[in-house]
PDB file of N, CA and C in Angstrom:
ATOM      1  N   MET A   1     -27.251 -74.593  74.307  1.00  0.00           N
ATOM      2  CA  MET A   1     -28.414 -74.856  73.547  1.00  0.00           C
ATOM      3  C   MET A   1     -28.233 -74.125  72.387  1.00  0.00           C
ATOM      4  N   SER A   2     -28.535 -74.945  71.223  1.00  0.00           N
ATOM      5  CA  SER A   2     -28.746 -74.312  69.895  1.00  0.00           C
ATOM      6  C   SER A   2     -29.756 -74.604  69.185  1.00  0.00           C
ATOM      7  N   VAL A   3     -30.393 -73.919  68.544  1.00  0.00           N
ATOM      8  CA  VAL A   3     -31.334 -74.237  67.524  1.00  0.00           C
ATOM      9  C   VAL A   3     -31.087 -74.863  66.300  1.00  0.00           C
ATOM     10  N   PHE A   4     -29.813 -75.031  65.956  1.00  0.00           N
ATOM     11  CA  PHE A   4     -29.158 -75.652  64.698  1.00  0.00           C
ATOM     12  C   PHE A   4     -28.760 -77.434  65.148  1.00  0.00           C
ATOM     13  N   ASP A   5     -29.000 -77.945  64.136  1.00  0.00           N
ATOM     14  CA  ASP A   5     -28.810 -79.485  64.106  1.00  0.00           C
ATOM     15  C   ASP A   5     -27.591 -79.862  64.173  1.00  0.00           C
ATOM     16  N   ARG A   6     -27.104 -80.796  64.409  1.00  0.00           N
ATOM     17  CA  ARG A   6     -25.489 -81.267  64.162  1.00  0.00           C
ATOM     18  C   ARG A   6     -25.518 -81.672  62.517  1.00  0.00           C
ATOM     19  N   PRO A   7     -24.468 -81.602  62.246  1.00  0.00           N
ATOM     20  CA  PRO A   7     -23.110 -81.113  63.057  1.00  0.00           C
ATOM     21  C   PRO A   7     -22.985 -79.945  63.175  1.00  0.00           C
ATOM     22  N   THR A   8     -22.356 -79.480  64.242  1.00  0.00           N
ATOM     23  CA  THR A   8     -22.404 -77.996  64.463  1.00  0.00           C
ATOM     24  C   THR A   8     -21.237 -77.336  63.701  1.00  0.00           C
ATOM     25  N   SER A   9     -20.953 -76.134  63.693  1.00  0.00           N
ATOM     26  CA  SER A   9     -20.024 -75.659  63.074  1.00  0.00           C
ATOM     27  C   SER A   9     -18.907 -75.682  63.525  1.00  0.00           C
ATOM     28  N   LYS A  10     -18.442 -76.117  64.717  1.00  0.00           N
ATOM     29  CA  LYS A  10     -17.325 -76.579  65.061  1.00  0.00           C
ATOM     30  C   LYS A  10     -17.037 -78.013  64.594  1.00  0.00           C
ATOM     31  N   GLU A  11     -18.065 -78.800  64.484  1.00  0.00           N
ATOM     32  CA  GLU A  11     -17.853 -80.245  63.995  1.00  0.00           C
ATOM     33  C   GLU A  11     -17.338 -80.113  62.833  1.00  0.00           C
ATOM     34  N   LEU A  12     -17.952 -79.228  61.966  1.00  0.00           N
ATOM     35  CA  LEU A  12     -17.788 -79.018  60.381  1.00  0.00           C
ATOM     36  C   LEU A  12     -16.328 -78.666  60.129  1.00  0.00           C
ATOM     37  N   LEU A  13     -15.955 -77.674  60.842  1.00  0.00           N
ATOM     38  CA  LEU A  13     -14.507 -76.915  60.878  1.00  0.00           C
ATOM     39  C   LEU A  13     -13.780 -78.284  61.082  1.00  0.00           C
ATOM     40  N   GLU A  14     -13.681 -79.027  62.085  1.00  0.00           N
ATOM     41  CA  GLU A  14     -12.873 -79.946  62.728  1.00  0.00           C
ATOM     42  C   GLU A  14     -12.855 -81.271  61.530  1.00  0.00           C
ATOM     43  N   ALA A  15     -14.018 -81.554  60.686  1.00  0.00           N
ATOM     44  CA  ALA A  15     -14.285 -82.572  59.760  1.00  0.00           C
ATOM     45  C   ALA A  15     -13.376 -81.930  58.714  1.00  0.00           C
ATOM     46  N   VAL A  16     -13.453 -80.615  58.093  1.00  0.00           N
ATOM     47  CA  VAL A  16     -12.693 -80.155  57.078  1.00  0.00           C
ATOM     48  C   VAL A  16     -11.059 -80.344  57.049  1.00  0.00           C
ATOM     49  N   ILE A  17     -10.707 -79.760  58.464  1.00  0.00           N
ATOM     50  CA  ILE A  17      -9.601 -79.737  59.251  1.00  0.00           C
ATOM     51  C   ILE A  17      -9.051 -81.275  58.934  1.00  0.00           C
ATOM     52  N   ASP A  18      -9.444 -82.398  59.639  1.00  0.00           N
ATOM     53  CA  ASP A  18      -9.229 -83.561  59.271  1.00  0.00           C
ATOM     54  C   ASP A  18      -8.830 -84.096  57.826  1.00  0.00           C
ATOM     55  N   PHE A  19      -9.736 -83.472  57.169  1.00  0.00           N
ATOM     56  CA  PHE A  19     -10.037 -84.064  55.652  1.00  0.00           C
ATOM     57  C   PHE A  19      -8.577 -83.477  55.066  1.00  0.00           C
ATOM     58  N   ILE A  20      -8.383 -82.269  55.334  1.00  0.00           N
ATOM     59  CA  ILE A  20      -7.323 -81.209  54.559  1.00  0.00           C
ATOM     60  C   ILE A  20      -5.935 -82.075  55.185  1.00  0.00           C
ATOM     61  N   SER A  21      -5.955 -82.378  56.492  1.00  0.00           N
ATOM     62  CA  SER A  21      -4.482 -83.038  56.982  1.00  0.00           C
ATOM     63  C   SER A  21      -4.330 -84.299  56.265  1.00  0.00           C
ATOM     64  N   THR A  22      -5.450 -85.128  56.203  1.00  0.00           N
ATOM     65  CA  THR A  22      -5.240 -86.274  55.365  1.00  0.00           C
ATOM     66  C   THR A  22      -4.831 -85.875  54.156  1.00  0.00           C
ATOM     67  N   GLU A  23      -5.290 -85.246  53.428  1.00  0.00           N
ATOM     68  CA  GLU A  23      -4.765 -84.933  51.843  1.00  0.00           C
ATOM     69  C   GLU A  23      -3.536 -84.392  52.016  1.00  0.00           C
ATOM     70  N   ILE A  24      -2.792 -83.757  52.842  1.00  0.00           N
ATOM     71  CA  ILE A  24      -1.531 -83.239  52.886  1.00  0.00           C
ATOM     72  C   ILE A  24      -0.724 -84.646  53.176  1.00  0.00           C
ATOM     73  N   LYS A  25      -1.188 -85.499  53.912  1.00  0.00           N
ATOM     74  CA  LYS A  25      -0.301 -86.551  54.201  1.00  0.00           C
ATOM     75  C   LYS A  25      -0.406 -87.721  52.910  1.00  0.00           C
ATOM     76  N   SER A  26      -1.073 -87.763  52.372  1.00  0.00           N
ATOM     77  CA  SER A  26      -1.321 -88.503  51.141  1.00  0.00           C
ATOM     78  C   SER A  26      -0.346 -88.189  50.157  1.00  0.00           C
ATOM     79  N   ASP A  27       0.291 -89.357  49.238  1.00  0.00           N
ATOM     80  CA  ASP A  27       1.029 -89.158  48.001  1.00  0.00           C
ATOM     81  C   ASP A  27       0.306 -89.108  46.787  1.00  0.00           C
ATOM     82  N   SER A  28      -0.955 -88.751  46.735  1.00  0.00           N
ATOM     83  CA  SER A  28      -1.745 -88.526  45.490  1.00  0.00           C
ATOM     84  C   SER A  28      -1.891 -87.104  45.185  1.00  0.00           C
ATOM     85  N   HIS A  29      -0.979 -86.261  45.596  1.00  0.00           N
ATOM     86  CA  HIS A  29      -0.620 -84.713  45.128  1.00  0.00           C
ATOM     87  C   HIS A  29       0.386 -84.389  44.994  1.00  0.00           C
ATOM     88  N   PRO A  30       0.598 -83.427  43.932  1.00  0.00           N
ATOM     89  CA  PRO A  30       1.977 -83.094  43.886  1.00  0.00           C
ATOM     90  C   PRO A  30       2.502 -81.701  44.973  1.00  0.00           C
ATOM     91  N   ALA A  31       3.753 -81.567  45.058  1.00  0.00           N
ATOM     92  CA  ALA A  31       4.316 -80.619  46.497  1.00  0.00           C
ATOM     93  C   ALA A  31       3.183 -79.290  46.404  1.00  0.00           C
ATOM     94  N   ASN A  32       3.112 -78.750  45.079  1.00  0.00           N
ATOM     95  CA  ASN A  32       2.711 -77.487  44.893  1.00  0.00           C
ATOM     96  C   ASN A  32       1.153 -77.249  45.660  1.00  0.00           C
ATOM     97  N   LYS A  33       0.357 -78.598  45.244  1.00  0.00           N
ATOM     98  CA  LYS A  33      -0.890 -78.724  45.654  1.00  0.00           C
ATOM     99  C   LYS A  33      -1.021 -78.648  47.320  1.00  0.00           C
ATOM    100  N   LYS A  34      -0.145 -79.724  47.589  1.00  0.00           N
ATOM    101  CA  LYS A  34       0.178 -79.959  49.087  1.00  0.00           C
ATOM    102  C   LYS A  34       0.421 -78.552  49.699  1.00  0.00           C
ATOM    103  N   PHE A  35       1.091 -77.881  49.392  1.00  0.00           N
ATOM    104  CA  PHE A  35       1.564 -76.600  49.847  1.00  0.00           C
ATOM    105  C   PHE A  35       0.273 -75.554  49.816  1.00  0.00           C
ATOM    106  N   LYS A  36      -0.533 -75.826  48.695  1.00  0.00           N
ATOM    107  CA  LYS A  36      -1.610 -74.724  48.945  1.00  0.00           C
ATOM    108  C   LYS A  36      -2.738 -75.558  49.920  1.00  0.00           C
ATOM    109  N   PHE A  37      -2.831 -76.799  50.147  1.00  0.00           N
ATOM    110  CA  PHE A  37      -3.602 -77.583  51.233  1.00  0.00           C
ATOM    111  C   PHE A  37      -3.202 -76.994  52.466  1.00  0.00           C
ATOM    112  N   GLN A  38      -1.758 -77.000  52.635  1.00  0.00           N
ATOM    113  CA  GLN A  38      -1.255 -76.269  53.905  1.00  0.00           C
ATOM    114  C   GLN A  38      -1.623 -74.945  54.277  1.00  0.00           C
ATOM    115  N   ILE A  39      -1.605 -74.245  53.068  1.00  0.00           N
ATOM    116  CA  ILE A  39      -2.190 -72.552  53.616  1.00  0.00           C
ATOM    117  C   ILE A  39      -3.761 -72.710  53.968  1.00  0.00           C
ATOM    118  N   VAL A  40      -4.604 -73.335  53.177  1.00  0.00           N
ATOM    119  CA  VAL A  40      -5.882 -73.583  53.743  1.00  0.00           C
ATOM    120  C   VAL A  40      -6.021 -74.101  55.151  1.00  0.00           C
ATOM    121  N   LEU A  41      -4.983 -75.053  55.435  1.00  0.00           N
ATOM    122  CA  LEU A  41      -5.186 -75.624  56.715  1.00  0.00           C
ATOM    123  C   LEU A  41      -4.755 -74.670  57.885  1.00  0.00           C
ATOM    124  N   ASN A  42      -4.042 -73.839  57.607  1.00  0.00           N
ATOM    125  CA  ASN A  42      -3.542 -73.005  58.377  1.00  0.00           C
ATOM    126  C   ASN A  42      -4.455 -71.958  58.677  1.00  0.00           C
ATOM    127  N   VAL A  43      -5.209 -71.432  57.666  1.00  0.00           N
ATOM    128  CA  VAL A  43      -6.122 -70.335  57.602  1.00  0.00           C
ATOM    129  C   VAL A  43      -7.357 -71.126  58.551  1.00  0.00           C
ATOM    130  N   LEU A  44      -7.547 -72.216  58.309  1.00  0.00           N
ATOM    131  CA  LEU A  44      -8.911 -73.104  59.316  1.00  0.00           C
ATOM    132  C   LEU A  44      -8.329 -73.297  60.677  1.00  0.00           C
ATOM    133  N   ASN A  45      -7.385 -73.430  60.630  1.00  0.00           N
ATOM    134  CA  ASN A  45      -6.813 -73.709  62.360  1.00  0.00           C
ATOM    135  C   ASN A  45      -6.591 -72.289  63.023  1.00  0.00           C
ATOM    136  N   ILE A  46      -6.468 -70.958  62.171  1.00  0.00           N
ATOM    137  CA  ILE A  46      -6.613 -69.742  62.859  1.00  0.00           C
ATOM    138  C   ILE A  46      -8.016 -69.597  62.933  1.00  0.00           C
ATOM    139  N   VAL A  47      -9.027 -69.777  62.377  1.00  0.00           N
ATOM    140  CA  VAL A  47     -10.398 -69.727  62.570  1.00  0.00           C
ATOM    141  C   VAL A  47     -10.965 -70.504  63.577  1.00  0.00           C
ATOM    142  N   LYS A  48     -10.124 -71.590  63.608  1.00  0.00           N
ATOM    143  CA  LYS A  48     -10.799 -72.485  64.709  1.00  0.00           C
ATOM    144  C   LYS A  48     -10.174 -71.759  66.091  1.00  0.00           C
ATOM    145  N   ARG A  49      -9.036 -71.636  66.354  1.00  0.00           N
ATOM    146  CA  ARG A  49      -8.481 -70.819  67.314  1.00  0.00           C
ATOM    147  C   ARG A  49      -9.295 -69.589  67.796  1.00  0.00           C
ATOM    148  N   GLU A  50      -9.977 -68.733  66.782  1.00  0.00           N
ATOM    149  CA  GLU A  50     -10.150 -67.442  67.009  1.00  0.00           C
ATOM    150  C   GLU A  50     -11.569 -67.979  67.727  1.00  0.00           C
ATOM    151  N   ASP A  51     -12.385 -68.914  66.979  1.00  0.00           N
ATOM    152  CA  ASP A  51     -13.547 -69.288  67.559  1.00  0.00           C
ATOM    153  C   ASP A  51     -13.454 -69.844  68.813  1.00  0.00           C
ATOM    154  N   GLU A  52     -12.723 -70.455  69.444  1.00  0.00           N
ATOM    155  CA  GLU A  52     -12.494 -70.906  70.487  1.00  0.00           C
ATOM    156  C   GLU A  52     -11.876 -70.190  71.586  1.00  0.00           C
ATOM    157  N   SER A  53     -11.320 -68.990  71.214  1.00  0.00           N
ATOM    158  CA  SER A  53     -11.077 -68.143  72.376  1.00  0.00           C
ATOM    159  C   SER A  53     -10.883 -66.585  72.131  1.00  0.00           C
ATOM    160  N   GLY A  54     -11.345 -66.286  70.626  1.00  0.00           N
ATOM    161  CA  GLY A  54     -11.562 -64.780  70.385  1.00  0.00           C
ATOM    162  C   GLY A  54     -12.352 -64.172  71.167  1.00  0.00           C
ATOM    163  N   GLU A  55     -13.363 -64.513  71.575  1.00  0.00           N
ATOM    164  CA  GLU A  55     -14.520 -63.587  72.414  1.00  0.00           C
ATOM    165  C   GLU A  55     -13.994 -63.520  73.827  1.00  0.00           C
ATOM    166  N   GLU A  56     -13.184 -64.301  74.536  1.00  0.00           N
ATOM    167  CA  GLU A  56     -12.593 -64.395  75.624  1.00  0.00           C
ATOM    168  C   GLU A  56     -11.523 -63.324  75.738  1.00  0.00           C
ATOM    169  N   ILE A  57     -10.730 -63.263  74.526  1.00  0.00           N
ATOM    170  CA  ILE A  57      -9.666 -62.408  74.500  1.00  0.00           C
ATOM    171  C   ILE A  57     -10.313 -60.699  74.245  1.00  0.00           C
ATOM    172  N   ASN A  58     -11.080 -60.896  73.535  1.00  0.00           N
ATOM    173  CA  ASN A  58     -11.862 -59.591  73.180  1.00  0.00           C
ATOM    174  C   ASN A  58     -12.480 -58.929  74.376  1.00  0.00           C
ATOM    175  N   LYS A  59     -13.333 -59.830  75.107  1.00  0.00           N
ATOM    176  CA  LYS A  59     -13.717 -59.156  76.285  1.00  0.00           C
ATOM    177  C   LYS A  59     -12.743 -58.481  77.314  1.00  0.00           C
ATOM    178  N   LYS A  60     -11.563 -59.553  77.575  1.00  0.00           N
ATOM    179  CA  LYS A  60     -10.459 -59.324  78.412  1.00  0.00           C
ATOM    180  C   LYS A  60      -9.779 -57.981  78.077  1.00  0.00           C
ATOM    181  N   PHE A  61      -9.494 -57.741  76.826  1.00  0.00           N
ATOM    182  CA  PHE A  61      -8.694 -56.709  76.379  1.00  0.00           C
ATOM    183  C   PHE A  61      -9.525 -55.505  76.311  1.00  0.00           C
ATOM    184  N   THR A  62     -11.040 -55.352  75.855  1.00  0.00           N
ATOM    185  CA  THR A  62     -11.848 -54.568  75.927  1.00  0.00           C
ATOM    186  C   THR A  62     -11.691 -53.925  77.580  1.00  0.00           C
ATOM    187  N   GLU A  63     -12.011 -54.790  78.217  1.00  0.00           N
ATOM    188  CA  GLU A  63     -12.208 -54.301  79.681  1.00  0.00           C
ATOM    189  C   GLU A  63     -10.736 -53.618  80.098  1.00  0.00           C
ATOM    190  N   LEU A  64      -9.516 -54.435  79.844  1.00  0.00           N
ATOM    191  CA  LEU A  64      -8.290 -53.921  80.151  1.00  0.00           C
ATOM    192  C   LEU A  64      -8.040 -52.644  79.460  1.00  0.00           C
ATOM    193  N   GLY A  65      -8.299 -52.303  78.496  1.00  0.00           N
ATOM    194  CA  GLY A  65      -8.026 -51.331  77.322  1.00  0.00           C
ATOM    195  C   GLY A  65      -9.012 -50.072  77.731  1.00  0.00           C
ATOM    196  N   SER A  66     -10.198 -50.588  78.280  1.00  0.00           N
ATOM    197  CA  SER A  66     -10.904 -49.226  78.689  1.00  0.00           C
ATOM    198  C   SER A  66     -10.415 -48.956  79.981  1.00  0.00           C
ATOM    199  N   ASN A  67      -9.646 -49.559  80.855  1.00  0.00           N
ATOM    200  CA  ASN A  67      -9.383 -49.291  81.990  1.00  0.00           C
ATOM    201  C   ASN A  67      -7.754 -48.246  81.892  1.00  0.00           C
ATOM    202  N   PHE A  68      -7.231 -48.860  80.886  1.00  0.00           N
ATOM    203  CA  PHE A  68      -5.942 -48.059  80.415  1.00  0.00           C
ATOM    204  C   PHE A  68      -6.139 -46.824  80.015  1.00  0.00           C
ATOM    205  N   ILE A  69      -7.092 -46.635  79.039  1.00  0.00           N
ATOM    206  CA  ILE A  69      -7.399 -45.461  78.351  1.00  0.00           C
ATOM    207  C   ILE A  69      -8.228 -44.517  78.935  1.00  0.00           C
ATOM    208  N   GLY A  70      -9.119 -44.967  79.975  1.00  0.00           N
ATOM    209  CA  GLY A  70      -9.859 -44.322  80.406  1.00  0.00           C
ATOM    210  C   GLY A  70     -11.305 -43.928  80.472  1.00  0.00           C
ATOM    211  N   LYS A  71     -11.672 -44.891  79.359  1.00  0.00           N
ATOM    212  CA  LYS A  71     -12.857 -44.787  78.538  1.00  0.00           C
ATOM    213  C   LYS A  71     -13.785 -46.282  78.192  1.00  0.00           C
ATOM    214  N   ASN A  72     -15.139 -45.969  78.252  1.00  0.00           N
ATOM    215  CA  ASN A  72     -15.578 -47.348  77.859  1.00  0.00           C
ATOM    216  C   ASN A  72     -15.499 -47.240  76.389  1.00  0.00           C
ATOM    217  N   GLY A  73     -15.614 -48.632  76.033  1.00  0.00           N
ATOM    218  CA  GLY A  73     -15.658 -48.989  74.292  1.00  0.00           C
ATOM    219  C   GLY A  73     -14.315 -48.702  73.867  1.00  0.00           C
ATOM    220  N   PHE A  74     -13.352 -49.450  74.312  1.00  0.00           N
ATOM    221  CA  PHE A  74     -12.008 -49.763  74.188  1.00  0.00           C
ATOM    222  C   PHE A  74     -11.791 -49.976  72.859  1.00  0.00           C
ATOM    223  N   THR A  75     -10.979 -49.369  71.947  1.00  0.00           N
ATOM    224  CA  THR A  75     -10.592 -49.881  70.540  1.00  0.00           C
ATOM    225  C   THR A  75      -9.126 -49.623  70.307  1.00  0.00           C
ATOM    226  N   ILE A  76      -8.674 -50.650  69.514  1.00  0.00           N
ATOM    227  CA  ILE A  76      -7.108 -50.385  69.216  1.00  0.00           C
ATOM    228  C   ILE A  76      -7.087 -48.985  68.535  1.00  0.00           C
ATOM    229  N   GLU A  77      -8.159 -48.824  67.616  1.00  0.00           N
ATOM    230  CA  GLU A  77      -8.144 -47.579  66.988  1.00  0.00           C
ATOM    231  C   GLU A  77      -7.819 -46.251  67.896  1.00  0.00           C
ATOM    232  N   ARG A  78      -8.582 -46.318  69.079  1.00  0.00           N
ATOM    233  CA  ARG A  78      -8.944 -45.451  69.978  1.00  0.00           C
ATOM    234  C   ARG A  78      -7.226 -45.185  70.645  1.00  0.00           C
ATOM    235  N   LEU A  79      -6.681 -46.355  70.712  1.00  0.00           N
ATOM    236  CA  LEU A  79      -5.557 -46.341  71.575  1.00  0.00           C
ATOM    237  C   LEU A  79      -4.163 -45.768  70.789  1.00  0.00           C
ATOM    238  N   SER A  80      -4.487 -46.168  69.662  1.00  0.00           N
ATOM    239  CA  SER A  80      -3.518 -45.741  68.479  1.00  0.00           C
ATOM    240  C   SER A  80      -3.459 -44.286  68.385  1.00  0.00           C
ATOM    241  N   GLN A  81      -4.599 -43.900  68.323  1.00  0.00           N
ATOM    242  CA  GLN A  81      -4.801 -42.569  68.510  1.00  0.00           C
ATOM    243  C   GLN A  81      -4.308 -41.349  69.372  1.00  0.00           C
ATOM    244  N   LYS A  82      -4.638 -42.195  70.353  1.00  0.00           N
ATOM    245  CA  LYS A  82      -4.180 -41.636  71.946  1.00  0.00           C
ATOM    246  C   LYS A  82      -2.594 -41.626  71.810  1.00  0.00           C
ATOM    247  N   ILE A  83      -1.891 -42.470  71.148  1.00  0.00           N
ATOM    248  CA  ILE A  83      -0.467 -42.689  70.788  1.00  0.00           C
ATOM    249  C   ILE A  83      -0.151 -41.703  70.028  1.00  0.00           C
ATOM    250  N   ARG A  84      -0.651 -41.797  68.912  1.00  0.00           N
ATOM    251  CA  ARG A  84      -0.294 -40.874  67.790  1.00  0.00           C
ATOM    252  C   ARG A  84      -0.438 -39.048  68.535  1.00  0.00           C
ATOM    253  N   ASP A  85      -1.510 -38.961  69.281  1.00  0.00           N
ATOM    254  CA  ASP A  85      -1.598 -37.705  69.800  1.00  0.00           C
ATOM    255  C   ASP A  85      -0.558 -37.395  70.874  1.00  0.00           C
ATOM    256  N   LYS A  86       0.299 -38.401  71.382  1.00  0.00           N
ATOM    257  CA  LYS A  86       1.240 -38.297  72.456  1.00  0.00           C
ATOM    258  C   LYS A  86       0.474 -37.998  73.793  1.00  0.00           C
ATOM    259  N   GLU A  87      -0.485 -38.782  73.570  1.00  0.00           N
ATOM    260  CA  GLU A  87      -1.570 -38.836  75.291  1.00  0.00           C
ATOM    261  C   GLU A  87      -0.485 -40.009  76.097  1.00  0.00           C
ATOM    262  N   PHE A  88       0.122 -40.946  75.351  1.00  0.00           N
ATOM    263  CA  PHE A  88       0.831 -42.079  76.018  1.00  0.00           C
ATOM    264  C   PHE A  88       2.288 -41.793  75.465  1.00  0.00           C
ATOM    265  N   ASP A  89       3.204 -41.713  76.140  1.00  0.00           N
ATOM    266  CA  ASP A  89       4.704 -41.821  76.019  1.00  0.00           C
ATOM    267  C   ASP A  89       4.935 -43.346  75.420  1.00  0.00           C
ATOM    268  N   HIS A  90       5.594 -43.482  74.096  1.00  0.00           N
ATOM    269  CA  HIS A  90       5.673 -44.976  73.628  1.00  0.00           C
ATOM    270  C   HIS A  90       6.539 -45.471  74.746  1.00  0.00           C
ATOM    271  N   GLU A  91       7.078 -45.096  75.773  1.00  0.00           N
ATOM    272  CA  GLU A  91       7.961 -45.674  76.619  1.00  0.00           C
ATOM    273  C   GLU A  91       7.421 -46.031  78.146  1.00  0.00           C
ATOM    274  N   ASN A  92       5.998 -45.572  78.200  1.00  0.00           N
ATOM    275  CA  ASN A  92       5.068 -45.931  79.431  1.00  0.00           C
ATOM    276  C   ASN A  92       5.160 -47.388  79.522  1.00  0.00           C
ATOM    277  N   ILE A  93       5.731 -47.966  80.571  1.00  0.00           N
ATOM    278  CA  ILE A  93       5.493 -49.109  80.988  1.00  0.00           C
ATOM    279  C   ILE A  93       4.515 -49.760  80.934  1.00  0.00           C
ATOM    280  N   ASP A  94       3.271 -49.206  81.289  1.00  0.00           N
ATOM    281  CA  ASP A  94       2.282 -49.845  81.281  1.00  0.00           C
ATOM    282  C   ASP A  94       1.548 -50.070  79.810  1.00  0.00           C
ATOM    283  N   LEU A  95       1.814 -48.994  79.072  1.00  0.00           N
ATOM    284  CA  LEU A  95       1.590 -49.256  77.672  1.00  0.00           C
ATOM    285  C   LEU A  95       2.288 -50.600  77.089  1.00  0.00           C
ATOM    286  N   VAL A  96       3.691 -50.349  77.311  1.00  0.00           N
ATOM    287  CA  VAL A  96       4.453 -51.614  76.631  1.00  0.00           C
ATOM    288  C   VAL A  96       3.779 -52.789  77.274  1.00  0.00           C
ATOM    289  N   ASP A  97       3.542 -53.157  78.454  1.00  0.00           N
ATOM    290  CA  ASP A  97       2.973 -54.323  79.094  1.00  0.00           C
ATOM    291  C   ASP A  97       1.763 -54.760  78.329  1.00  0.00           C
ATOM    292  N   PHE A  98       0.723 -53.723  78.386  1.00  0.00           N
ATOM    293  CA  PHE A  98      -0.592 -53.972  77.850  1.00  0.00           C
ATOM    294  C   PHE A  98      -0.270 -54.677  76.402  1.00  0.00           C
ATOM    295  N   LEU A  99       0.521 -53.681  75.450  1.00  0.00           N
ATOM    296  CA  LEU A  99       0.676 -53.970  74.146  1.00  0.00           C
ATOM    297  C   LEU A  99       1.558 -55.301  73.853  1.00  0.00           C
ATOM    298  N   TYR A 100       2.414 -55.615  74.851  1.00  0.00           N
ATOM    299  CA  TYR A 100       3.138 -57.032  74.836  1.00  0.00           C
ATOM    300  C   TYR A 100       2.077 -58.168  74.903  1.00  0.00           C
ATOM    301  N   GLU A 101       1.322 -57.885  76.061  1.00  0.00           N
ATOM    302  CA  GLU A 101       0.098 -59.063  76.698  1.00  0.00           C
ATOM    303  C   GLU A 101      -0.814 -59.279  75.447  1.00  0.00           C
ATOM    304  N   LEU A 102      -1.299 -58.044  75.073  1.00  0.00           N
ATOM    305  CA  LEU A 102      -2.235 -58.225  73.530  1.00  0.00           C
ATOM    306  C   LEU A 102      -1.589 -58.993  72.748  1.00  0.00           C
ATOM    307  N   THR A 103      -0.410 -58.611  72.275  1.00  0.00           N
ATOM    308  CA  THR A 103       0.513 -59.191  71.053  1.00  0.00           C
ATOM    309  C   THR A 103       0.526 -60.973  71.569  1.00  0.00           C
ATOM    310  N   GLU A 104       1.080 -61.150  72.698  1.00  0.00           N
ATOM    311  CA  GLU A 104       1.134 -62.496  73.245  1.00  0.00           C
ATOM    312  C   GLU A 104      -0.252 -63.403  72.455  1.00  0.00           C
ATOM    313  N   GLU A 105      -1.533 -62.935  73.071  1.00  0.00           N
ATOM    314  CA  GLU A 105      -2.633 -63.415  72.816  1.00  0.00           C
ATOM    315  C   GLU A 105      -2.851 -63.528  71.456  1.00  0.00           C
ATOM    316  N   LYS A 106      -2.519 -62.696  70.759  1.00  0.00           N
ATOM    317  CA  LYS A 106      -2.863 -62.510  69.228  1.00  0.00           C
ATOM    318  C   LYS A 106      -2.125 -63.741  68.757  1.00  0.00           C
ATOM    319  N   ILE A 107      -0.686 -63.735  69.230  1.00  0.00           N
ATOM    320  CA  ILE A 107       0.113 -64.745  68.422  1.00  0.00           C
ATOM    321  C   ILE A 107      -0.169 -66.221  68.848  1.00  0.00           C
ATOM    322  N   LYS A 108      -1.188 -66.381  70.019  1.00  0.00           N
ATOM    323  CA  LYS A 108      -1.442 -67.597  70.497  1.00  0.00           C
ATOM    324  C   LYS A 108      -2.687 -68.136  69.230  1.00  0.00           C
ATOM    325  N   ILE A 109      -3.359 -66.973  68.795  1.00  0.00           N
ATOM    326  CA  ILE A 109      -4.454 -67.289  67.752  1.00  0.00           C
ATOM    327  C   ILE A 109      -3.702 -67.481  66.481  1.00  0.00           C
ATOM    328  N   ASP A 110      -2.856 -66.528  65.927  1.00  0.00           N
ATOM    329  CA  ASP A 110      -2.267 -66.567  64.502  1.00  0.00           C
ATOM    330  C   ASP A 110      -1.705 -67.997  64.565  1.00  0.00           C
ATOM    331  N   ASN A 111      -0.516 -68.305  65.359  1.00  0.00           N
ATOM    332  CA  ASN A 111       0.429 -69.342  65.376  1.00  0.00           C
ATOM    333  C   ASN A 111       1.159 -69.574  66.617  1.00  0.00           C
ATOM    334  N   PRO A 112       0.526 -70.755  67.274  1.00  0.00           N
ATOM    335  CA  PRO A 112       0.998 -70.802  68.771  1.00  0.00           C
ATOM    336  C   PRO A 112       2.500 -71.403  68.539  1.00  0.00           C
ATOM    337  N   LYS A 113       3.109 -71.546  67.649  1.00  0.00           N
ATOM    338  CA  LYS A 113       4.449 -72.232  67.141  1.00  0.00           C
ATOM    339  C   LYS A 113       5.479 -70.950  67.233  1.00  0.00           C
ATOM    340  N   TYR A 114       5.144 -69.861  66.752  1.00  0.00           N
ATOM    341  CA  TYR A 114       5.612 -68.793  67.001  1.00  0.00           C
ATOM    342  C   TYR A 114       6.371 -68.302  68.394  1.00  0.00           C
ATOM    343  N   ARG A 115       5.429 -68.582  69.451  1.00  0.00           N
ATOM    344  CA  ARG A 115       6.009 -68.477  71.072  1.00  0.00           C
ATOM    345  C   ARG A 115       7.287 -69.393  71.395  1.00  0.00           C
ATOM    346  N   LYS A 116       7.376 -70.433  70.470  1.00  0.00           N
ATOM    347  CA  LYS A 116       8.293 -71.392  70.988  1.00  0.00           C
ATOM    348  C   LYS A 116       9.731 -70.805  70.651  1.00  0.00           C
TER     349      LYS A 116
END
């Protein structure tokens, strides 16, 4: 339930994505303008994917990360500091697996085509 009326933020985002996609396909814009539209479209799609999945990914990795570093309140900064302080060996397979899985999830948000 939301106190906000329609269109929702998700619907508005979809409408803008659809509009820009249509503009890119039209012949009424020069190539440099279409390129700029494509950049905007890419950014909006990242925002859309993060809105759809970001909270779930954050929750998952905050939990996994807290278990991994042995503290609640996991952050990438804390993990980075532990690596810099050599509390974790950069060849630690658990660390490598954790970072690999985190990177995979981030790529799904940034550009799923990178995984192909």
